PDB file of N, CA and C in Angstrom:
ATOM      1  N   UNK A   1       0.775  -1.389   0.032  1.00  0.00           N
ATOM      2  CA  UNK A   1      -0.080  -0.045   0.014  1.00  0.00           C
ATOM      3  C   UNK A   1       0.968   1.319  -0.282  1.00  0.00           C
ATOM      4  N   UNK A   2       1.929   1.185   0.680  1.00  0.00           N
ATOM      5  CA  UNK A   2       3.043   2.290   0.688  1.00  0.00           C
ATOM      6  C   UNK A   2       3.252   2.918  -0.763  1.00  0.00           C
ATOM      7  N   UNK A   3       3.650   2.251  -1.877  1.00  0.00           N
ATOM      8  CA  UNK A   3       3.934   2.710  -3.007  1.00  0.00           C
ATOM      9  C   UNK A   3       2.725   3.820  -3.729  1.00  0.00           C
ATOM     10  N   UNK A   4       1.444   3.097  -3.376  1.00  0.00           N
ATOM     11  CA  UNK A   4       0.313   3.976  -3.655  1.00  0.00           C
ATOM     12  C   UNK A   4       0.398   5.265  -2.799  1.00  0.00           C
ATOM     13  N   UNK A   5       0.709   5.240  -1.796  1.00  0.00           N
ATOM     14  CA  UNK A   5       0.557   6.388  -0.971  1.00  0.00           C
ATOM     15  C   UNK A   5       1.474   7.528  -1.298  1.00  0.00           C
ATOM     16  N   UNK A   6       2.750   7.278  -1.689  1.00  0.00           N
ATOM     17  CA  UNK A   6       3.800   8.028  -2.068  1.00  0.00           C
ATOM     18  C   UNK A   6       3.275   9.312  -2.763  1.00  0.00           C
ATOM     19  N   UNK A   7       2.352   9.313  -3.663  1.00  0.00           N
ATOM     20  CA  UNK A   7       2.282  11.031  -4.273  1.00  0.00           C
ATOM     21  C   UNK A   7       1.253  11.846  -3.198  1.00  0.00           C
ATOM     22  N   UNK A   8       0.387  11.206  -2.282  1.00  0.00           N
ATOM     23  CA  UNK A   8      -0.364  11.814  -1.430  1.00  0.00           C
ATOM     24  C   UNK A   8       0.207  11.979  -0.393  1.00  0.00           C
ATOM     25  N   UNK A   9       1.401  11.247   0.150  1.00  0.00           N
ATOM     26  CA  UNK A   9       2.430  11.430   1.361  1.00  0.00           C
ATOM     27  C   UNK A   9       3.062  12.804   1.098  1.00  0.00           C
ATOM     28  N   UNK A  10       3.813  12.670  -0.238  1.00  0.00           N
ATOM     29  CA  UNK A  10       4.527  13.543  -0.696  1.00  0.00           C
ATOM     30  C   UNK A  10       3.972  14.874  -0.921  1.00  0.00           C
ATOM     31  N   UNK A  11       2.598  15.005  -1.607  1.00  0.00           N
ATOM     32  CA  UNK A  11       1.672  16.021  -1.562  1.00  0.00           C
ATOM     33  C   UNK A  11       1.223  16.946  -0.176  1.00  0.00           C
ATOM     34  N   UNK A  12       1.303  16.060   0.874  1.00  0.00           N
ATOM     35  CA  UNK A  12       0.981  16.571   2.001  1.00  0.00           C
ATOM     36  C   UNK A  12       2.132  16.938   2.892  1.00  0.00           C
ATOM     37  N   UNK A  13       3.448  16.353   2.476  1.00  0.00           N
ATOM     38  CA  UNK A  13       4.617  17.210   3.000  1.00  0.00           C
ATOM     39  C   UNK A  13       4.997  18.196   2.387  1.00  0.00           C
ATOM     40  N   UNK A  14       4.872  18.309   1.046  1.00  0.00           N
ATOM     41  CA  UNK A  14       5.055  19.742   0.135  1.00  0.00           C
ATOM     42  C   UNK A  14       4.037  21.064   0.895  1.00  0.00           C
ATOM     43  N   UNK A  15       2.656  20.480   1.094  1.00  0.00           N
ATOM     44  CA  UNK A  15       1.858  21.631   1.433  1.00  0.00           C
ATOM     45  C   UNK A  15       2.225  21.911   2.898  1.00  0.00           C
ATOM     46  N   UNK A  16       2.866  20.880   3.795  1.00  0.00           N
ATOM     47  CA  UNK A  16       3.029  21.168   5.102  1.00  0.00           C
ATOM     48  C   UNK A  16       4.031  22.226   5.259  1.00  0.00           C
ATOM     49  N   UNK A  17       5.025  21.931   4.216  1.00  0.00           N
ATOM     50  CA  UNK A  17       6.419  22.802   4.274  1.00  0.00           C
ATOM     51  C   UNK A  17       6.062  24.151   4.030  1.00  0.00           C
ATOM     52  N   UNK A  18       5.018  24.380   3.070  1.00  0.00           N
ATOM     53  CA  UNK A  18       4.724  25.720   2.431  1.00  0.00           C
ATOM     54  C   UNK A  18       4.122  26.545   3.650  1.00  0.00           C
ATOM     55  N   UNK A  19       3.279  25.432   4.032  1.00  0.00           N
ATOM     56  CA  UNK A  19       2.393  26.414   5.068  1.00  0.00           C
ATOM     57  C   UNK A  19       3.035  26.600   6.509  1.00  0.00           C
ATOM     58  N   UNK A  20       4.000  25.642   7.040  1.00  0.00           N
ATOM     59  CA  UNK A  20       4.852  26.155   7.964  1.00  0.00           C
ATOM     60  C   UNK A  20       5.860  27.379   8.124  1.00  0.00           C
ATOM     61  N   UNK A  21       6.387  27.060   6.401  1.00  0.00           N
ATOM     62  CA  UNK A  21       7.454  28.204   6.113  1.00  0.00           C
ATOM     63  C   UNK A  21       6.714  29.368   6.102  1.00  0.00           C
ATOM     64  N   UNK A  22       5.578  29.638   5.782  1.00  0.00           N
ATOM     65  CA  UNK A  22       5.255  31.051   5.663  1.00  0.00           C
ATOM     66  C   UNK A  22       4.251  31.582   7.075  1.00  0.00           C
ATOM     67  N   UNK A  23       4.366  30.523   8.051  1.00  0.00           N
ATOM     68  CA  UNK A  23       3.738  31.113   9.011  1.00  0.00           C
ATOM     69  C   UNK A  23       4.462  32.088   9.561  1.00  0.00           C
ATOM     70  N   UNK A  24       3.248  33.136   9.679  1.00  0.00           N
ATOM     71  CA  UNK A  24       3.638  34.568  10.482  1.00  0.00           C
ATOM     72  C   UNK A  24       3.332  34.506  11.890  1.00  0.00           C
ATOM     73  N   UNK A  25       2.101  34.306  11.987  1.00  0.00           N
ATOM     74  CA  UNK A  25       1.497  34.682  13.293  1.00  0.00           C
ATOM     75  C   UNK A  25       1.972  34.097  14.489  1.00  0.00           C
ATOM     76  N   UNK A  26       2.288  32.662  14.475  1.00  0.00           N
ATOM     77  CA  UNK A  26       2.753  31.846  15.387  1.00  0.00           C
ATOM     78  C   UNK A  26       4.123  32.262  15.694  1.00  0.00           C
ATOM     79  N   UNK A  27       5.015  32.465  14.947  1.00  0.00           N
ATOM     80  CA  UNK A  27       6.104  32.908  15.163  1.00  0.00           C
ATOM     81  C   UNK A  27       6.327  34.317  15.656  1.00  0.00           C
ATOM     82  N   UNK A  28       5.329  35.580  15.391  1.00  0.00           N
ATOM     83  CA  UNK A  28       5.362  36.599  15.891  1.00  0.00           C
ATOM     84  C   UNK A  28       4.926  36.634  17.281  1.00  0.00           C
ATOM     85  N   UNK A  29       4.255  35.640  17.813  1.00  0.00           N
ATOM     86  CA  UNK A  29       3.565  35.321  19.049  1.00  0.00           C
ATOM     87  C   UNK A  29       4.731  34.822  20.112  1.00  0.00           C
ATOM     88  N   UNK A  30       5.567  33.791  19.749  1.00  0.00           N
ATOM     89  CA  UNK A  30       5.994  33.264  20.771  1.00  0.00           C
ATOM     90  C   UNK A  30       7.798  33.616  20.561  1.00  0.00           C
ATOM     91  N   UNK A  31       8.157  34.283  19.507  1.00  0.00           N
ATOM     92  CA  UNK A  31       9.675  34.529  19.426  1.00  0.00           C
ATOM     93  C   UNK A  31       9.638  36.157  19.844  1.00  0.00           C
ATOM     94  N   UNK A  32      10.431  36.248  20.714  1.00  0.00           N
ATOM     95  CA  UNK A  32      10.422  37.673  21.513  1.00  0.00           C
ATOM     96  C   UNK A  32      12.202  38.278  21.182  1.00  0.00           C
ATOM     97  N   UNK A  33      13.163  37.219  21.002  1.00  0.00           N
ATOM     98  CA  UNK A  33      14.475  37.664  20.768  1.00  0.00           C
ATOM     99  C   UNK A  33      14.912  37.917  19.380  1.00  0.00           C
ATOM    100  N   UNK A  34      15.201  39.006  18.974  1.00  0.00           N
ATOM    101  CA  UNK A  34      15.355  39.440  17.527  1.00  0.00           C
ATOM    102  C   UNK A  34      16.325  38.782  16.930  1.00  0.00           C
ATOM    103  N   UNK A  35      17.288  37.657  17.428  1.00  0.00           N
ATOM    104  CA  UNK A  35      18.125  36.862  16.699  1.00  0.00           C
ATOM    105  C   UNK A  35      17.393  35.639  16.284  1.00  0.00           C
ATOM    106  N   UNK A  36      16.431  35.369  16.991  1.00  0.00           N
ATOM    107  CA  UNK A  36      15.560  33.919  16.686  1.00  0.00           C
ATOM    108  C   UNK A  36      14.356  34.212  15.859  1.00  0.00           C
ATOM    109  N   UNK A  37      14.504  35.633  15.511  1.00  0.00           N
ATOM    110  CA  UNK A  37      13.144  35.588  14.386  1.00  0.00           C
ATOM    111  C   UNK A  37      13.237  34.939  13.281  1.00  0.00           C
ATOM    112  N   UNK A  38      12.428  34.404  12.712  1.00  0.00           N
ATOM    113  CA  UNK A  38      11.921  33.971  11.422  1.00  0.00           C
ATOM    114  C   UNK A  38      12.102  34.902  10.182  1.00  0.00           C
ATOM    115  N   UNK A  39      12.324  34.488   9.134  1.00  0.00           N
ATOM    116  CA  UNK A  39      12.508  35.286   7.993  1.00  0.00           C
ATOM    117  C   UNK A  39      11.299  36.142   7.699  1.00  0.00           C
ATOM    118  N   UNK A  40      10.351  35.569   8.225  1.00  0.00           N
ATOM    119  CA  UNK A  40       8.965  36.387   7.848  1.00  0.00           C
ATOM    120  C   UNK A  40       8.893  37.621   8.925  1.00  0.00           C
ATOM    121  N   UNK A  41       9.156  37.160  10.091  1.00  0.00           N
ATOM    122  CA  UNK A  41       8.858  38.017  11.161  1.00  0.00           C
ATOM    123  C   UNK A  41       9.971  39.066  10.968  1.00  0.00           C
ATOM    124  N   UNK A  42      11.265  38.760  10.640  1.00  0.00           N
ATOM    125  CA  UNK A  42      12.313  40.001  10.325  1.00  0.00           C
ATOM    126  C   UNK A  42      12.153  40.791   9.061  1.00  0.00           C
ATOM    127  N   UNK A  43      11.490  40.338   8.292  1.00  0.00           N
ATOM    128  CA  UNK A  43      10.753  41.060   7.160  1.00  0.00           C
ATOM    129  C   UNK A  43       9.840  42.124   7.852  1.00  0.00           C
ATOM    130  N   UNK A  44       8.900  41.799   8.638  1.00  0.00           N
ATOM    131  CA  UNK A  44       7.975  42.911   9.108  1.00  0.00           C
ATOM    132  C   UNK A  44       8.951  43.467  10.277  1.00  0.00           C
ATOM    133  N   UNK A  45       9.728  43.373  10.724  1.00  0.00           N
ATOM    134  CA  UNK A  45      10.535  44.387  11.604  1.00  0.00           C
ATOM    135  C   UNK A  45      11.519  45.042  10.827  1.00  0.00           C
ATOM    136  N   UNK A  46      11.555  44.919   9.650  1.00  0.00           N
ATOM    137  CA  UNK A  46      12.598  45.676   8.719  1.00  0.00           C
ATOM    138  C   UNK A  46      11.915  46.810   8.141  1.00  0.00           C
ATOM    139  N   UNK A  47      10.344  46.855   8.267  1.00  0.00           N
ATOM    140  CA  UNK A  47       9.718  48.232   7.851  1.00  0.00           C
ATOM    141  C   UNK A  47       9.682  48.754   8.834  1.00  0.00           C
ATOM    142  N   UNK A  48       9.949  50.141   8.403  1.00  0.00           N
ATOM    143  CA  UNK A  48      10.061  51.099   9.475  1.00  0.00           C
ATOM    144  C   UNK A  48       8.614  51.837   9.638  1.00  0.00           C
ATOM    145  N   UNK A  49       8.357  52.271  10.956  1.00  0.00           N
ATOM    146  CA  UNK A  49       6.661  52.813  11.036  1.00  0.00           C
ATOM    147  C   UNK A  49       6.752  53.785  10.378  1.00  0.00           C
ATOM    148  N   UNK A  50       7.489  54.921  10.040  1.00  0.00           N
ATOM    149  CA  UNK A  50       7.261  55.964   9.509  1.00  0.00           C
ATOM    150  C   UNK A  50       7.406  55.946   7.957  1.00  0.00           C
ATOM    151  N   UNK A  51       7.708  54.837   7.206  1.00  0.00           N
ATOM    152  CA  UNK A  51       7.845  54.829   5.927  1.00  0.00           C
ATOM    153  C   UNK A  51       8.843  54.575   5.401  1.00  0.00           C
ATOM    154  N   UNK A  52       9.909  55.223   6.159  1.00  0.00           N
ATOM    155  CA  UNK A  52      11.176  55.383   5.498  1.00  0.00           C
ATOM    156  C   UNK A  52      11.986  54.045   5.714  1.00  0.00           C
ATOM    157  N   UNK A  53      11.858  52.685   4.778  1.00  0.00           N
ATOM    158  CA  UNK A  53      12.110  51.970   4.847  1.00  0.00           C
ATOM    159  C   UNK A  53      13.171  51.614   3.537  1.00  0.00           C
ATOM    160  N   UNK A  54      14.019  50.717   3.774  1.00  0.00           N
ATOM    161  CA  UNK A  54      14.926  50.601   2.284  1.00  0.00           C
ATOM    162  C   UNK A  54      14.049  49.656   1.455  1.00  0.00           C
ATOM    163  N   UNK A  55      13.303  49.829   0.716  1.00  0.00           N
ATOM    164  CA  UNK A  55      12.653  49.050  -0.106  1.00  0.00           C
ATOM    165  C   UNK A  55      13.113  48.140  -1.276  1.00  0.00           C
ATOM    166  N   UNK A  56      14.685  48.454  -1.750  1.00  0.00           N
ATOM    167  CA  UNK A  56      15.518  47.867  -2.520  1.00  0.00           C
ATOM    168  C   UNK A  56      15.845  46.210  -1.154  1.00  0.00           C
ATOM    169  N   UNK A  57      16.259  46.721  -0.230  1.00  0.00           N
ATOM    170  CA  UNK A  57      16.785  45.423   0.624  1.00  0.00           C
ATOM    171  C   UNK A  57      15.504  44.635   0.818  1.00  0.00           C
ATOM    172  N   UNK A  58      14.437  45.358   1.049  1.00  0.00           N
ATOM    173  CA  UNK A  58      12.986  44.509   1.730  1.00  0.00           C
ATOM    174  C   UNK A  58      12.571  43.548   0.322  1.00  0.00           C
ATOM    175  N   UNK A  59      12.553  43.905  -0.824  1.00  0.00           N
ATOM    176  CA  UNK A  59      12.226  43.360  -1.862  1.00  0.00           C
ATOM    177  C   UNK A  59      12.981  42.200  -2.116  1.00  0.00           C
ATOM    178  N   UNK A  60      14.502  42.412  -1.829  1.00  0.00           N
ATOM    179  CA  UNK A  60      15.286  41.515  -2.257  1.00  0.00           C
ATOM    180  C   UNK A  60      15.402  40.209  -1.297  1.00  0.00           C
ATOM    181  N   UNK A  61      15.320  40.625   0.332  1.00  0.00           N
ATOM    182  CA  UNK A  61      14.683  39.632   1.267  1.00  0.00           C
ATOM    183  C   UNK A  61      13.906  38.762   1.030  1.00  0.00           C
ATOM    184  N   UNK A  62      12.577  39.440   0.408  1.00  0.00           N
ATOM    185  CA  UNK A  62      11.408  38.780  -0.058  1.00  0.00           C
ATOM    186  C   UNK A  62      11.418  37.653  -0.933  1.00  0.00           C
ATOM    187  N   UNK A  63      12.493  38.154  -2.000  1.00  0.00           N
ATOM    188  CA  UNK A  63      12.691  36.751  -3.149  1.00  0.00           C
ATOM    189  C   UNK A  63      13.313  35.984  -2.457  1.00  0.00           C
ATOM    190  N   UNK A  64      14.393  36.415  -1.482  1.00  0.00           N
ATOM    191  CA  UNK A  64      15.146  35.362  -0.965  1.00  0.00           C
ATOM    192  C   UNK A  64      14.233  34.232   0.036  1.00  0.00           C
ATOM    193  N   UNK A  65      12.997  34.644   0.768  1.00  0.00           N
ATOM    194  CA  UNK A  65      12.101  34.160   1.094  1.00  0.00           C
ATOM    195  C   UNK A  65      11.419  33.023   0.418  1.00  0.00           C
ATOM    196  N   UNK A  66      11.125  33.624  -0.948  1.00  0.00           N
ATOM    197  CA  UNK A  66      10.271  32.367  -1.747  1.00  0.00           C
ATOM    198  C   UNK A  66      11.184  31.487  -2.559  1.00  0.00           C
ATOM    199  N   UNK A  67      12.231  31.405  -2.413  1.00  0.00           N
ATOM    200  CA  UNK A  67      13.202  30.314  -2.983  1.00  0.00           C
ATOM    201  C   UNK A  67      13.028  29.064  -2.525  1.00  0.00           C
ATOM    202  N   UNK A  68      13.006  29.004  -1.339  1.00  0.00           N
ATOM    203  CA  UNK A  68      12.908  27.492  -0.631  1.00  0.00           C
ATOM    204  C   UNK A  68      11.456  26.933  -1.315  1.00  0.00           C
ATOM    205  N   UNK A  69      10.258  28.104  -1.286  1.00  0.00           N
ATOM    206  CA  UNK A  69       9.166  27.487  -1.268  1.00  0.00           C
ATOM    207  C   UNK A  69       9.152  27.029  -2.734  1.00  0.00           C
ATOM    208  N   UNK A  70       9.726  27.905  -3.706  1.00  0.00           N
ATOM    209  CA  UNK A  70       9.688  27.553  -5.277  1.00  0.00           C
ATOM    210  C   UNK A  70      10.481  26.389  -5.450  1.00  0.00           C
ATOM    211  N   UNK A  71      11.688  25.917  -4.857  1.00  0.00           N
ATOM    212  CA  UNK A  71      12.555  24.594  -4.940  1.00  0.00           C
ATOM    213  C   UNK A  71      11.473  23.673  -4.499  1.00  0.00           C
ATOM    214  N   UNK A  72      10.849  23.735  -3.304  1.00  0.00           N
ATOM    215  CA  UNK A  72       9.977  22.405  -2.876  1.00  0.00           C
ATOM    216  C   UNK A  72       8.784  22.126  -3.532  1.00  0.00           C
ATOM    217  N   UNK A  73       8.558  23.464  -4.653  1.00  0.00           N
ATOM    218  CA  UNK A  73       7.371  23.014  -5.834  1.00  0.00           C
ATOM    219  C   UNK A  73       7.665  22.272  -6.935  1.00  0.00           C
ATOM    220  N   UNK A  74       9.221  22.894  -7.249  1.00  0.00           N
ATOM    221  CA  UNK A  74       9.735  22.567  -8.552  1.00  0.00           C
ATOM    222  C   UNK A  74      10.086  20.816  -8.601  1.00  0.00           C
ATOM    223  N   UNK A  75      10.735  20.614  -7.460  1.00  0.00           N
ATOM    224  CA  UNK A  75      11.080  19.349  -7.351  1.00  0.00           C
ATOM    225  C   UNK A  75      10.137  18.459  -6.829  1.00  0.00           C
ATOM    226  N   UNK A  76       8.949  18.653  -6.199  1.00  0.00           N
ATOM    227  CA  UNK A  76       7.546  17.934  -5.791  1.00  0.00           C
ATOM    228  C   UNK A  76       6.724  17.834  -6.787  1.00  0.00           C
ATOM    229  N   UNK A  77       6.866  18.844  -7.923  1.00  0.00           N
ATOM    230  CA  UNK A  77       5.712  18.987  -8.814  1.00  0.00           C
ATOM    231  C   UNK A  77       5.019  17.773  -9.382  1.00  0.00           C
ATOM    232  N   UNK A  78       5.972  16.801  -9.856  1.00  0.00           N
ATOM    233  CA  UNK A  78       5.538  15.593 -10.163  1.00  0.00           C
ATOM    234  C   UNK A  78       4.478  14.842  -9.368  1.00  0.00           C
ATOM    235  N   UNK A  79       4.947  14.516  -7.904  1.00  0.00           N
ATOM    236  CA  UNK A  79       4.150  14.127  -6.868  1.00  0.00           C
ATOM    237  C   UNK A  79       2.900  15.049  -6.557  1.00  0.00           C
ATOM    238  N   UNK A  80       2.982  16.094  -6.552  1.00  0.00           N
ATOM    239  CA  UNK A  80       1.775  17.104  -6.530  1.00  0.00           C
ATOM    240  C   UNK A  80       0.735  16.857  -7.691  1.00  0.00           C
ATOM    241  N   UNK A  81       1.200  16.484  -8.965  1.00  0.00           N
ATOM    242  CA  UNK A  81       0.064  16.232  -9.877  1.00  0.00           C
ATOM    243  C   UNK A  81      -0.577  15.056  -9.458  1.00  0.00           C
ATOM    244  N   UNK A  82       0.304  13.943  -9.530  1.00  0.00           N
ATOM    245  CA  UNK A  82       0.040  12.565  -9.097  1.00  0.00           C
ATOM    246  C   UNK A  82      -0.776  12.353  -7.648  1.00  0.00           C
ATOM    247  N   UNK A  83      -0.448  13.050  -7.087  1.00  0.00           N
ATOM    248  CA  UNK A  83      -1.267  13.344  -5.467  1.00  0.00           C
ATOM    249  C   UNK A  83      -2.556  13.924  -5.779  1.00  0.00           C
ATOM    250  N   UNK A  84      -2.582  14.895  -6.526  1.00  0.00           N
ATOM    251  CA  UNK A  84      -4.011  15.765  -6.628  1.00  0.00           C
ATOM    252  C   UNK A  84      -4.636  14.710  -7.747  1.00  0.00           C
ATOM    253  N   UNK A  85      -4.085  14.185  -9.039  1.00  0.00           N
ATOM    254  CA  UNK A  85      -4.739  13.352  -9.929  1.00  0.00           C
ATOM    255  C   UNK A  85      -5.447  12.351  -9.353  1.00  0.00           C
ATOM    256  N   UNK A  86      -4.851  11.602  -8.722  1.00  0.00           N
ATOM    257  CA  UNK A  86      -5.214  10.251  -8.152  1.00  0.00           C
ATOM    258  C   UNK A  86      -6.281  10.531  -7.111  1.00  0.00           C
ATOM    259  N   UNK A  87      -6.332  11.657  -6.364  1.00  0.00           N
ATOM    260  CA  UNK A  87      -7.802  11.827  -5.379  1.00  0.00           C
ATOM    261  C   UNK A  87      -8.931  12.191  -5.979  1.00  0.00           C
ATOM    262  N   UNK A  88      -8.986  12.388  -7.305  1.00  0.00           N
ATOM    263  CA  UNK A  88     -10.043  12.894  -8.123  1.00  0.00           C
ATOM    264  C   UNK A  88     -11.068  11.421  -8.471  1.00  0.00           C
ATOM    265  N   UNK A  89     -12.399  11.869  -9.043  1.00  0.00           N
ATOM    266  CA  UNK A  89     -13.139  10.632  -9.723  1.00  0.00           C
ATOM    267  C   UNK A  89     -12.508  10.488 -10.656  1.00  0.00           C
ATOM    268  N   UNK A  90     -12.654   8.521 -10.956  1.00  0.00           N
ATOM    269  CA  UNK A  90     -12.223   8.348 -12.064  1.00  0.00           C
ATOM    270  C   UNK A  90     -12.879   8.149 -13.192  1.00  0.00           C
TER     271      UNK A  90
END
């Protein structure tokens, strides 16, 4: 049964990775030390309240945060398609 479950397990793993990677609220609540901030919380802290932020660096950091999610999708695309296609009606 495990070979039939591989696409579904891979799809679940990819979706779980993407969901936890972009989790902002939980990290904002529990992390108090700036050296322990996740990338998303650090991006939020990078924005100045007066609007005088360095937008170029902010956008560059945003692209860097998207790279792991893009790579997870790129390498798991075959399993995502198989996992979603096998759950539909035949």
